[in-house]
């Protein structure tokens, strides 16, 4: 008996159905693969930006450690250096308009001392006397400091814990913007006359037998704007210099926000013992399409506490 064998083929509808099912499976697999790689990229970018923020905070905290608390100011979005646009410190507020933090620091050269061939001698000392406009420090060596970096035009600051928490904008410039210099916490240096004597622009009142006084050679400003985070130095606000006249040095990019915070609810500021501040920096985050975004809910922010010693 002859058996007839027929091969049954797919109809057009069945073929289209199979193609649609395969397309759906491929689409789901592709989306899962895309999300997987997007997650890897997002995690990598987050880790990289956190590390960058921590690295910047580590770097700039060194500048604040030798800072003078009474000089720290927060400048507003208009980049004003002095006047009505200056927001004083201390404060624990944080605003999107915070862009630039500026301060005056004690000069490191005057703190670390130097080797005179026989012993380590201090470049500066806490035991100072003021006789008229002459500052006397028995065991200092102003001649060595003057040779390394001329002292004329720098300033001398007397730390006594007074005036904390008020008029930081004026104290950043070490000058009352209306009445002129009416305090005696600082004087500019006219000349270094000997190892132990400095001529100042006026009398620096000394309080107590072991008054503390420090060299100030420069102020610093840290500015976050348009994605860049810059350091400005080499300007002297007590000589009417503004940070905008200094050369900007780029520290990081993709930075959206920088501020300094001080919680004064439980402590009273005192530059004799130093003050604890919190530095906060924020970097751009990633949008859903993995592009950079300044949206506040996507920013990557890091904080670090720093001891401002003066």
C-alpha atoms as a PDB file:
ATOM      1  CA  UNK A   1       0.000   0.000   0.000  1.00  0.00           C
ATOM      2  CA  UNK A   2       1.312   3.396  -0.951  1.00  0.00           C
ATOM      3  CA  UNK A   3       1.467   5.892   1.930  1.00  0.00           C
ATOM      4  CA  UNK A   4       1.209   9.576   1.100  1.00  0.00           C
ATOM      5  CA  UNK A   5       3.402  11.880   3.243  1.00  0.00           C
ATOM      6  CA  UNK A   6       2.759  15.653   3.371  1.00  0.00           C
ATOM      7  CA  UNK A   7       5.060  18.306   5.051  1.00  0.00           C
ATOM      8  CA  UNK A   8       2.953  20.869   6.829  1.00  0.00           C
ATOM      9  CA  UNK A   9       4.407  24.460   6.410  1.00  0.00           C
ATOM     10  CA  UNK A  10       3.895  27.556   8.616  1.00  0.00           C
ATOM     11  CA  UNK A  11       1.175  29.815   7.499  1.00  0.00           C
ATOM     12  CA  UNK A  12       1.914  33.537   7.117  1.00  0.00           C
ATOM     13  CA  UNK A  13      -0.033  34.352  10.301  1.00  0.00           C
ATOM     14  CA  UNK A  14       1.896  31.750  12.293  1.00  0.00           C
ATOM     15  CA  UNK A  15       5.198  33.084  10.987  1.00  0.00           C
ATOM     16  CA  UNK A  16       4.309  36.643  11.931  1.00  0.00           C
ATOM     17  CA  UNK A  17       3.244  35.482  15.360  1.00  0.00           C
ATOM     18  CA  UNK A  18       6.602  33.771  15.930  1.00  0.00           C
ATOM     19  CA  UNK A  19       8.465  36.879  14.749  1.00  0.00           C
ATOM     20  CA  UNK A  20       6.466  39.090  17.142  1.00  0.00           C
ATOM     21  CA  UNK A  21       7.156  36.765  20.080  1.00  0.00           C
ATOM     22  CA  UNK A  22      10.867  36.689  19.267  1.00  0.00           C
ATOM     23  CA  UNK A  23      10.888  40.492  18.989  1.00  0.00           C
ATOM     24  CA  UNK A  24       9.266  40.851  22.398  1.00  0.00           C
ATOM     25  CA  UNK A  25      11.767  38.469  23.965  1.00  0.00           C
ATOM     26  CA  UNK A  26      14.641  40.286  22.291  1.00  0.00           C
ATOM     27  CA  UNK A  27      13.300  43.684  23.448  1.00  0.00           C
ATOM     28  CA  UNK A  28      12.956  42.506  27.048  1.00  0.00           C
ATOM     29  CA  UNK A  29      16.431  41.012  26.969  1.00  0.00           C
ATOM     30  CA  UNK A  30      17.881  44.173  25.436  1.00  0.00           C
ATOM     31  CA  UNK A  31      16.192  46.402  28.048  1.00  0.00           C
ATOM     32  CA  UNK A  32      17.459  44.197  30.850  1.00  0.00           C
ATOM     33  CA  UNK A  33      20.954  44.335  29.372  1.00  0.00           C
ATOM     34  CA  UNK A  34      20.732  48.117  28.978  1.00  0.00           C
ATOM     35  CA  UNK A  35      19.610  48.580  32.575  1.00  0.00           C
ATOM     36  CA  UNK A  36      22.404  46.328  33.731  1.00  0.00           C
ATOM     37  CA  UNK A  37      25.089  48.343  31.958  1.00  0.00           C
ATOM     38  CA  UNK A  38      23.436  51.639  32.911  1.00  0.00           C
ATOM     39  CA  UNK A  39      23.572  50.505  36.533  1.00  0.00           C
ATOM     40  CA  UNK A  40      27.262  49.688  36.204  1.00  0.00           C
ATOM     41  CA  UNK A  41      27.945  53.112  34.666  1.00  0.00           C
ATOM     42  CA  UNK A  42      25.833  54.941  37.261  1.00  0.00           C
ATOM     43  CA  UNK A  43      27.553  53.138  40.144  1.00  0.00           C
ATOM     44  CA  UNK A  44      30.960  53.829  38.652  1.00  0.00           C
ATOM     45  CA  UNK A  45      30.197  57.527  38.172  1.00  0.00           C
ATOM     46  CA  UNK A  46      28.791  57.845  41.691  1.00  0.00           C
ATOM     47  CA  UNK A  47      31.883  56.215  43.181  1.00  0.00           C
ATOM     48  CA  UNK A  48      34.188  58.406  41.098  1.00  0.00           C
ATOM     49  CA  UNK A  49      32.409  61.631  42.052  1.00  0.00           C
ATOM     50  CA  UNK A  50      32.251  60.732  45.738  1.00  0.00           C
ATOM     51  CA  UNK A  51      36.000  60.098  45.634  1.00  0.00           C
ATOM     52  CA  UNK A  52      36.540  63.419  43.858  1.00  0.00           C
ATOM     53  CA  UNK A  53      34.465  65.300  46.452  1.00  0.00           C
ATOM     54  CA  UNK A  54      36.341  63.625  49.322  1.00  0.00           C
ATOM     55  CA  UNK A  55      39.667  64.426  47.679  1.00  0.00           C
ATOM     56  CA  UNK A  56      38.732  68.106  47.308  1.00  0.00           C
ATOM     57  CA  UNK A  57      37.554  68.320  50.924  1.00  0.00           C
ATOM     58  CA  UNK A  58      40.803  66.743  52.094  1.00  0.00           C
ATOM     59  CA  UNK A  59      42.781  69.273  50.087  1.00  0.00           C
ATOM     60  CA  UNK A  60      40.920  72.430  51.091  1.00  0.00           C
ATOM     61  CA  UNK A  61      40.591  71.474  54.761  1.00  0.00           C
ATOM     62  CA  UNK A  62      44.330  72.189  55.070  1.00  0.00           C
ATOM     63  CA  UNK A  63      43.665  75.841  54.235  1.00  0.00           C
ATOM     64  CA  UNK A  64      40.897  76.117  56.814  1.00  0.00           C
ATOM     65  CA  UNK A  65      42.900  74.517  59.607  1.00  0.00           C
ATOM     66  CA  UNK A  66      45.089  77.627  59.861  1.00  0.00           C
ATOM     67  CA  UNK A  67      42.136  79.932  59.246  1.00  0.00           C
ATOM     68  CA  UNK A  68      40.995  82.775  61.488  1.00  0.00           C
ATOM     69  CA  UNK A  69      37.384  82.163  62.487  1.00  0.00           C
ATOM     70  CA  UNK A  70      36.521  85.842  62.752  1.00  0.00           C
ATOM     71  CA  UNK A  71      37.481  86.373  59.101  1.00  0.00           C
ATOM     72  CA  UNK A  72      35.400  83.617  57.487  1.00  0.00           C
ATOM     73  CA  UNK A  73      32.671  84.966  55.217  1.00  0.00           C
ATOM     74  CA  UNK A  74      30.156  83.508  52.798  1.00  0.00           C
ATOM     75  CA  UNK A  75      29.635  85.531  49.632  1.00  0.00           C
ATOM     76  CA  UNK A  76      26.394  85.477  47.689  1.00  0.00           C
ATOM     77  CA  UNK A  77      25.639  84.674  44.062  1.00  0.00           C
ATOM     78  CA  UNK A  78      26.597  88.190  42.949  1.00  0.00           C
ATOM     79  CA  UNK A  79      30.275  87.538  43.781  1.00  0.00           C
ATOM     80  CA  UNK A  80      30.415  90.642  45.967  1.00  0.00           C
ATOM     81  CA  UNK A  81      33.528  90.710  48.122  1.00  0.00           C
ATOM     82  CA  UNK A  82      32.547  93.383  50.641  1.00  0.00           C
ATOM     83  CA  UNK A  83      29.366  95.183  51.573  1.00  0.00           C
ATOM     84  CA  UNK A  84      25.717  94.265  51.762  1.00  0.00           C
ATOM     85  CA  UNK A  85      26.013  91.032  49.766  1.00  0.00           C
ATOM     86  CA  UNK A  86      28.321  89.426  52.318  1.00  0.00           C
ATOM     87  CA  UNK A  87      26.678  86.846  54.591  1.00  0.00           C
ATOM     88  CA  UNK A  88      28.422  86.465  57.925  1.00  0.00           C
ATOM     89  CA  UNK A  89      29.567  83.320  59.653  1.00  0.00           C
ATOM     90  CA  UNK A  90      28.765  81.550  61.984  1.00  0.00           C
ATOM     91  CA  UNK A  91      25.645  80.004  60.548  1.00  0.00           C
ATOM     92  CA  UNK A  92      24.197  76.532  60.123  1.00  0.00           C
ATOM     93  CA  UNK A  93      22.041  77.586  57.166  1.00  0.00           C
ATOM     94  CA  UNK A  94      22.589  76.216  53.691  1.00  0.00           C
ATOM     95  CA  UNK A  95      21.292  77.910  50.569  1.00  0.00           C
ATOM     96  CA  UNK A  96      21.499  77.404  46.828  1.00  0.00           C
ATOM     97  CA  UNK A  97      22.886  80.950  46.642  1.00  0.00           C
ATOM     98  CA  UNK A  98      26.054  79.960  48.529  1.00  0.00           C
ATOM     99  CA  UNK A  99      28.900  80.000  46.044  1.00  0.00           C
ATOM    100  CA  UNK A 100      32.081  81.447  47.528  1.00  0.00           C
ATOM    101  CA  UNK A 101      33.717  81.049  50.925  1.00  0.00           C
ATOM    102  CA  UNK A 102      36.620  83.358  51.782  1.00  0.00           C
ATOM    103  CA  UNK A 103      38.896  83.562  54.801  1.00  0.00           C
ATOM    104  CA  UNK A 104      42.222  84.849  56.046  1.00  0.00           C
ATOM    105  CA  UNK A 105      44.719  82.280  57.309  1.00  0.00           C
ATOM    106  CA  UNK A 106      47.690  82.435  59.624  1.00  0.00           C
ATOM    107  CA  UNK A 107      50.867  82.156  57.577  1.00  0.00           C
ATOM    108  CA  UNK A 108      52.372  78.685  57.814  1.00  0.00           C
ATOM    109  CA  UNK A 109      55.895  80.020  57.411  1.00  0.00           C
ATOM    110  CA  UNK A 110      55.596  81.843  60.707  1.00  0.00           C
ATOM    111  CA  UNK A 111      54.398  78.727  62.492  1.00  0.00           C
ATOM    112  CA  UNK A 112      56.776  75.976  61.491  1.00  0.00           C
ATOM    113  CA  UNK A 113      60.049  77.656  62.523  1.00  0.00           C
ATOM    114  CA  UNK A 114      63.474  77.162  60.939  1.00  0.00           C
ATOM    115  CA  UNK A 115      66.921  75.641  61.623  1.00  0.00           C
ATOM    116  CA  UNK A 116      69.596  78.251  62.333  1.00  0.00           C
ATOM    117  CA  UNK A 117      72.476  75.789  62.188  1.00  0.00           C
ATOM    118  CA  UNK A 118      72.424  75.089  65.911  1.00  0.00           C
ATOM    119  CA  UNK A 119      68.798  74.650  66.922  1.00  0.00           C
ATOM    120  CA  UNK A 120      65.256  74.973  65.681  1.00  0.00           C
ATOM    121  CA  UNK A 121      64.139  78.545  66.199  1.00  0.00           C
ATOM    122  CA  UNK A 122      60.558  79.731  65.888  1.00  0.00           C
ATOM    123  CA  UNK A 123      59.842  82.041  63.022  1.00  0.00           C
ATOM    124  CA  UNK A 124      57.131  83.427  65.240  1.00  0.00           C
ATOM    125  CA  UNK A 125      56.200  83.229  68.890  1.00  0.00           C
ATOM    126  CA  UNK A 126      53.138  83.696  71.047  1.00  0.00           C
ATOM    127  CA  UNK A 127      55.043  85.876  73.539  1.00  0.00           C
ATOM    128  CA  UNK A 128      54.965  89.371  72.055  1.00  0.00           C
ATOM    129  CA  UNK A 129      55.156  92.934  73.313  1.00  0.00           C
ATOM    130  CA  UNK A 130      53.915  96.067  71.593  1.00  0.00           C
ATOM    131  CA  UNK A 131      55.762  99.336  72.211  1.00  0.00           C
ATOM    132  CA  UNK A 132      54.057 102.054  70.228  1.00  0.00           C
ATOM    133  CA  UNK A 133      54.020 100.816  66.649  1.00  0.00           C
ATOM    134  CA  UNK A 134      56.890  98.382  67.284  1.00  0.00           C
ATOM    135  CA  UNK A 135      56.188  94.708  67.818  1.00  0.00           C
ATOM    136  CA  UNK A 136      58.828  92.872  69.853  1.00  0.00           C
ATOM    137  CA  UNK A 137      59.257  89.107  70.011  1.00  0.00           C
ATOM    138  CA  UNK A 138      62.359  88.037  71.917  1.00  0.00           C
ATOM    139  CA  UNK A 139      62.923  84.597  70.387  1.00  0.00           C
ATOM    140  CA  UNK A 140      61.563  85.146  66.868  1.00  0.00           C
ATOM    141  CA  UNK A 141      63.580  85.712  63.705  1.00  0.00           C
ATOM    142  CA  UNK A 142      61.792  88.190  61.495  1.00  0.00           C
ATOM    143  CA  UNK A 143      64.927  88.671  59.405  1.00  0.00           C
ATOM    144  CA  UNK A 144      64.767  85.065  58.213  1.00  0.00           C
ATOM    145  CA  UNK A 145      61.055  85.342  57.490  1.00  0.00           C
ATOM    146  CA  UNK A 146      61.597  88.606  55.635  1.00  0.00           C
ATOM    147  CA  UNK A 147      64.324  87.091  53.452  1.00  0.00           C
ATOM    148  CA  UNK A 148      62.204  84.082  52.532  1.00  0.00           C
ATOM    149  CA  UNK A 149      59.121  86.173  51.758  1.00  0.00           C
ATOM    150  CA  UNK A 150      59.077  89.938  52.425  1.00  0.00           C
ATOM    151  CA  UNK A 151      56.894  90.828  55.388  1.00  0.00           C
ATOM    152  CA  UNK A 152      56.134  94.391  54.288  1.00  0.00           C
ATOM    153  CA  UNK A 153      52.489  94.620  53.261  1.00  0.00           C
ATOM    154  CA  UNK A 154      51.511  91.564  55.268  1.00  0.00           C
ATOM    155  CA  UNK A 155      49.597  91.933  58.512  1.00  0.00           C
ATOM    156  CA  UNK A 156      49.838  90.931  62.165  1.00  0.00           C
ATOM    157  CA  UNK A 157      46.732  89.558  63.880  1.00  0.00           C
ATOM    158  CA  UNK A 158      46.161  89.478  67.629  1.00  0.00           C
ATOM    159  CA  UNK A 159      43.958  86.582  68.688  1.00  0.00           C
ATOM    160  CA  UNK A 160      41.936  87.321  71.786  1.00  0.00           C
ATOM    161  CA  UNK A 161      38.571  85.690  71.182  1.00  0.00           C
ATOM    162  CA  UNK A 162      36.800  89.045  70.903  1.00  0.00           C
ATOM    163  CA  UNK A 163      34.236  89.995  68.321  1.00  0.00           C
ATOM    164  CA  UNK A 164      33.328  86.436  67.378  1.00  0.00           C
ATOM    165  CA  UNK A 165      30.085  85.980  65.504  1.00  0.00           C
ATOM    166  CA  UNK A 166      29.711  89.570  64.324  1.00  0.00           C
ATOM    167  CA  UNK A 167      31.020  91.747  61.487  1.00  0.00           C
ATOM    168  CA  UNK A 168      32.815  88.918  59.695  1.00  0.00           C
ATOM    169  CA  UNK A 169      32.478  90.874  56.464  1.00  0.00           C
ATOM    170  CA  UNK A 170      34.394  93.768  57.956  1.00  0.00           C
ATOM    171  CA  UNK A 171      36.897  91.481  59.625  1.00  0.00           C
ATOM    172  CA  UNK A 172      37.605  89.658  56.380  1.00  0.00           C
ATOM    173  CA  UNK A 173      38.956  92.970  55.140  1.00  0.00           C
ATOM    174  CA  UNK A 174      40.128  93.793  58.664  1.00  0.00           C
ATOM    175  CA  UNK A 175      38.465  97.136  58.215  1.00  0.00           C
ATOM    176  CA  UNK A 176      35.136  98.695  59.099  1.00  0.00           C
ATOM    177  CA  UNK A 177      33.724  99.672  55.659  1.00  0.00           C
ATOM    178  CA  UNK A 178      32.107 102.833  57.070  1.00  0.00           C
ATOM    179  CA  UNK A 179      34.260 104.211  59.855  1.00  0.00           C
ATOM    180  CA  UNK A 180      37.613 102.757  58.851  1.00  0.00           C
ATOM    181  CA  UNK A 181      39.777 100.603  61.089  1.00  0.00           C
ATOM    182  CA  UNK A 182      38.458 101.143  64.599  1.00  0.00           C
ATOM    183  CA  UNK A 183      39.814  97.984  66.227  1.00  0.00           C
ATOM    184  CA  UNK A 184      43.307  97.059  67.322  1.00  0.00           C
ATOM    185  CA  UNK A 185      43.304  93.338  66.533  1.00  0.00           C
ATOM    186  CA  UNK A 186      45.524  93.760  63.492  1.00  0.00           C
ATOM    187  CA  UNK A 187      48.106  96.070  61.931  1.00  0.00           C
ATOM    188  CA  UNK A 188      49.953  95.940  58.636  1.00  0.00           C
ATOM    189  CA  UNK A 189      53.712  95.443  58.603  1.00  0.00           C
ATOM    190  CA  UNK A 190      55.759  98.431  57.466  1.00  0.00           C
ATOM    191  CA  UNK A 191      59.197  96.830  57.793  1.00  0.00           C
ATOM    192  CA  UNK A 192      61.220  94.104  59.499  1.00  0.00           C
ATOM    193  CA  UNK A 193      63.867  96.045  61.408  1.00  0.00           C
ATOM    194  CA  UNK A 194      65.706  93.185  63.103  1.00  0.00           C
ATOM    195  CA  UNK A 195      65.366  89.568  64.143  1.00  0.00           C
ATOM    196  CA  UNK A 196      63.068  90.566  66.981  1.00  0.00           C
ATOM    197  CA  UNK A 197      61.426  93.851  65.956  1.00  0.00           C
ATOM    198  CA  UNK A 198      58.739  94.767  63.411  1.00  0.00           C
ATOM    199  CA  UNK A 199      57.491  98.255  62.602  1.00  0.00           C
ATOM    200  CA  UNK A 200      53.705  98.260  62.242  1.00  0.00           C
ATOM    201  CA  UNK A 201      51.255 100.742  60.770  1.00  0.00           C
ATOM    202  CA  UNK A 202      49.928 101.476  64.260  1.00  0.00           C
ATOM    203  CA  UNK A 203      49.822 100.238  67.810  1.00  0.00           C
ATOM    204  CA  UNK A 204      48.754  96.637  68.226  1.00  0.00           C
ATOM    205  CA  UNK A 205      47.208  96.345  71.671  1.00  0.00           C
ATOM    206  CA  UNK A 206      48.624  93.400  73.596  1.00  0.00           C
ATOM    207  CA  UNK A 207      46.486  91.863  76.307  1.00  0.00           C
ATOM    208  CA  UNK A 208      48.225  89.801  78.934  1.00  0.00           C
ATOM    209  CA  UNK A 209      51.845  88.832  79.364  1.00  0.00           C
ATOM    210  CA  UNK A 210      51.778  86.082  76.753  1.00  0.00           C
ATOM    211  CA  UNK A 211      49.557  87.532  74.057  1.00  0.00           C
ATOM    212  CA  UNK A 212      49.274  85.648  70.818  1.00  0.00           C
ATOM    213  CA  UNK A 213      49.937  87.338  67.515  1.00  0.00           C
ATOM    214  CA  UNK A 214      50.231  85.805  64.051  1.00  0.00           C
ATOM    215  CA  UNK A 215      51.487  86.720  60.584  1.00  0.00           C
ATOM    216  CA  UNK A 216      48.869  87.033  57.830  1.00  0.00           C
ATOM    217  CA  UNK A 217      50.228  87.144  54.284  1.00  0.00           C
ATOM    218  CA  UNK A 218      47.250  86.190  52.180  1.00  0.00           C
ATOM    219  CA  UNK A 219      43.555  85.444  52.133  1.00  0.00           C
ATOM    220  CA  UNK A 220      41.914  82.535  50.315  1.00  0.00           C
ATOM    221  CA  UNK A 221      38.653  82.206  48.439  1.00  0.00           C
ATOM    222  CA  UNK A 222      36.964  79.029  47.187  1.00  0.00           C
ATOM    223  CA  UNK A 223      34.365  79.522  44.466  1.00  0.00           C
ATOM    224  CA  UNK A 224      31.925  77.021  42.948  1.00  0.00           C
ATOM    225  CA  UNK A 225      30.282  78.352  39.811  1.00  0.00           C
ATOM    226  CA  UNK A 226      29.352  77.071  36.364  1.00  0.00           C
ATOM    227  CA  UNK A 227      30.591  73.584  37.200  1.00  0.00           C
ATOM    228  CA  UNK A 228      34.101  74.726  38.195  1.00  0.00           C
ATOM    229  CA  UNK A 229      35.589  74.877  41.674  1.00  0.00           C
ATOM    230  CA  UNK A 230      38.440  77.386  41.903  1.00  0.00           C
ATOM    231  CA  UNK A 231      40.929  78.507  44.541  1.00  0.00           C
ATOM    232  CA  UNK A 232      42.051  82.135  44.715  1.00  0.00           C
ATOM    233  CA  UNK A 233      45.036  83.216  46.821  1.00  0.00           C
ATOM    234  CA  UNK A 234      47.744  85.844  46.935  1.00  0.00           C
ATOM    235  CA  UNK A 235      45.387  88.762  47.650  1.00  0.00           C
ATOM    236  CA  UNK A 236      45.367  90.904  50.788  1.00  0.00           C
ATOM    237  CA  UNK A 237      41.939  92.274  51.756  1.00  0.00           C
ATOM    238  CA  UNK A 238      43.506  94.546  54.407  1.00  0.00           C
ATOM    239  CA  UNK A 239      45.181  96.310  51.454  1.00  0.00           C
ATOM    240  CA  UNK A 240      41.824  96.484  49.597  1.00  0.00           C
ATOM    241  CA  UNK A 241      42.622  93.514  47.328  1.00  0.00           C
ATOM    242  CA  UNK A 242      39.688  91.448  46.101  1.00  0.00           C
ATOM    243  CA  UNK A 243      39.767  87.780  45.256  1.00  0.00           C
ATOM    244  CA  UNK A 244      38.512  88.500  41.749  1.00  0.00           C
ATOM    245  CA  UNK A 245      41.878  90.092  41.013  1.00  0.00           C
ATOM    246  CA  UNK A 246      43.775  86.909  41.880  1.00  0.00           C
ATOM    247  CA  UNK A 247      44.497  84.079  39.459  1.00  0.00           C
ATOM    248  CA  UNK A 248      41.986  81.236  39.643  1.00  0.00           C
ATOM    249  CA  UNK A 249      43.349  77.726  40.138  1.00  0.00           C
ATOM    250  CA  UNK A 250      41.002  74.928  39.159  1.00  0.00           C
ATOM    251  CA  UNK A 251      40.592  72.303  41.876  1.00  0.00           C
ATOM    252  CA  UNK A 252      37.707  70.270  40.423  1.00  0.00           C
ATOM    253  CA  UNK A 253      34.974  70.285  37.812  1.00  0.00           C
ATOM    254  CA  UNK A 254      31.305  69.258  37.885  1.00  0.00           C
ATOM    255  CA  UNK A 255      30.995  71.084  41.250  1.00  0.00           C
ATOM    256  CA  UNK A 256      27.597  72.705  41.812  1.00  0.00           C
ATOM    257  CA  UNK A 257      27.733  73.955  45.393  1.00  0.00           C
ATOM    258  CA  UNK A 258      30.143  74.748  48.222  1.00  0.00           C
ATOM    259  CA  UNK A 259      29.494  76.170  51.676  1.00  0.00           C
ATOM    260  CA  UNK A 260      30.695  76.158  55.271  1.00  0.00           C
ATOM    261  CA  UNK A 261      28.415  75.447  58.219  1.00  0.00           C
ATOM    262  CA  UNK A 262      28.725  76.109  61.928  1.00  0.00           C
ATOM    263  CA  UNK A 263      26.279  74.788  64.498  1.00  0.00           C
ATOM    264  CA  UNK A 264      26.273  77.393  67.263  1.00  0.00           C
ATOM    265  CA  UNK A 265      23.354  75.941  69.221  1.00  0.00           C
ATOM    266  CA  UNK A 266      25.553  74.291  71.839  1.00  0.00           C
ATOM    267  CA  UNK A 267      28.868  76.139  71.650  1.00  0.00           C
ATOM    268  CA  UNK A 268      30.195  79.684  71.725  1.00  0.00           C
ATOM    269  CA  UNK A 269      32.820  80.665  69.159  1.00  0.00           C
ATOM    270  CA  UNK A 270      36.254  81.319  70.609  1.00  0.00           C
ATOM    271  CA  UNK A 271      39.328  81.846  68.451  1.00  0.00           C
ATOM    272  CA  UNK A 272      41.599  81.183  71.432  1.00  0.00           C
ATOM    273  CA  UNK A 273      40.739  77.487  71.295  1.00  0.00           C
ATOM    274  CA  UNK A 274      39.527  77.198  67.705  1.00  0.00           C
ATOM    275  CA  UNK A 275      36.151  76.246  66.279  1.00  0.00           C
ATOM    276  CA  UNK A 276      34.701  73.208  64.539  1.00  0.00           C
ATOM    277  CA  UNK A 277      33.102  73.840  61.148  1.00  0.00           C
ATOM    278  CA  UNK A 278      31.577  71.583  58.511  1.00  0.00           C
ATOM    279  CA  UNK A 279      32.685  71.958  54.902  1.00  0.00           C
ATOM    280  CA  UNK A 280      30.107  70.843  52.344  1.00  0.00           C
ATOM    281  CA  UNK A 281      30.629  70.329  48.622  1.00  0.00           C
ATOM    282  CA  UNK A 282      28.188  69.010  46.000  1.00  0.00           C
ATOM    283  CA  UNK A 283      28.894  67.621  42.533  1.00  0.00           C
ATOM    284  CA  UNK A 284      26.591  67.118  39.578  1.00  0.00           C
ATOM    285  CA  UNK A 285      24.506  63.960  39.633  1.00  0.00           C
ATOM    286  CA  UNK A 286      23.146  61.852  36.778  1.00  0.00           C
ATOM    287  CA  UNK A 287      19.751  62.253  35.137  1.00  0.00           C
ATOM    288  CA  UNK A 288      17.672  59.265  34.000  1.00  0.00           C
ATOM    289  CA  UNK A 289      19.376  59.411  30.595  1.00  0.00           C
ATOM    290  CA  UNK A 290      22.795  59.393  32.334  1.00  0.00           C
ATOM    291  CA  UNK A 291      23.532  63.007  31.409  1.00  0.00           C
ATOM    292  CA  UNK A 292      24.967  65.385  34.022  1.00  0.00           C
ATOM    293  CA  UNK A 293      22.361  67.313  36.004  1.00  0.00           C
ATOM    294  CA  UNK A 294      22.389  70.110  38.584  1.00  0.00           C
ATOM    295  CA  UNK A 295      19.037  69.039  40.038  1.00  0.00           C
ATOM    296  CA  UNK A 296      19.283  69.274  43.825  1.00  0.00           C
ATOM    297  CA  UNK A 297      17.755  65.838  44.373  1.00  0.00           C
ATOM    298  CA  UNK A 298      20.403  64.231  42.150  1.00  0.00           C
ATOM    299  CA  UNK A 299      23.505  66.063  43.387  1.00  0.00           C
ATOM    300  CA  UNK A 300      26.242  64.093  45.119  1.00  0.00           C
ATOM    301  CA  UNK A 301      27.147  65.919  48.341  1.00  0.00           C
ATOM    302  CA  UNK A 302      29.862  65.206  50.860  1.00  0.00           C
ATOM    303  CA  UNK A 303      30.729  66.856  54.176  1.00  0.00           C
ATOM    304  CA  UNK A 304      33.824  67.032  56.352  1.00  0.00           C
ATOM    305  CA  UNK A 305      34.367  68.546  59.790  1.00  0.00           C
ATOM    306  CA  UNK A 306      37.444  70.729  60.176  1.00  0.00           C
ATOM    307  CA  UNK A 307      39.037  72.414  63.185  1.00  0.00           C
ATOM    308  CA  UNK A 308      39.662  76.102  62.387  1.00  0.00           C
ATOM    309  CA  UNK A 309      42.351  76.774  64.944  1.00  0.00           C
ATOM    310  CA  UNK A 310      42.288  80.551  65.368  1.00  0.00           C
END
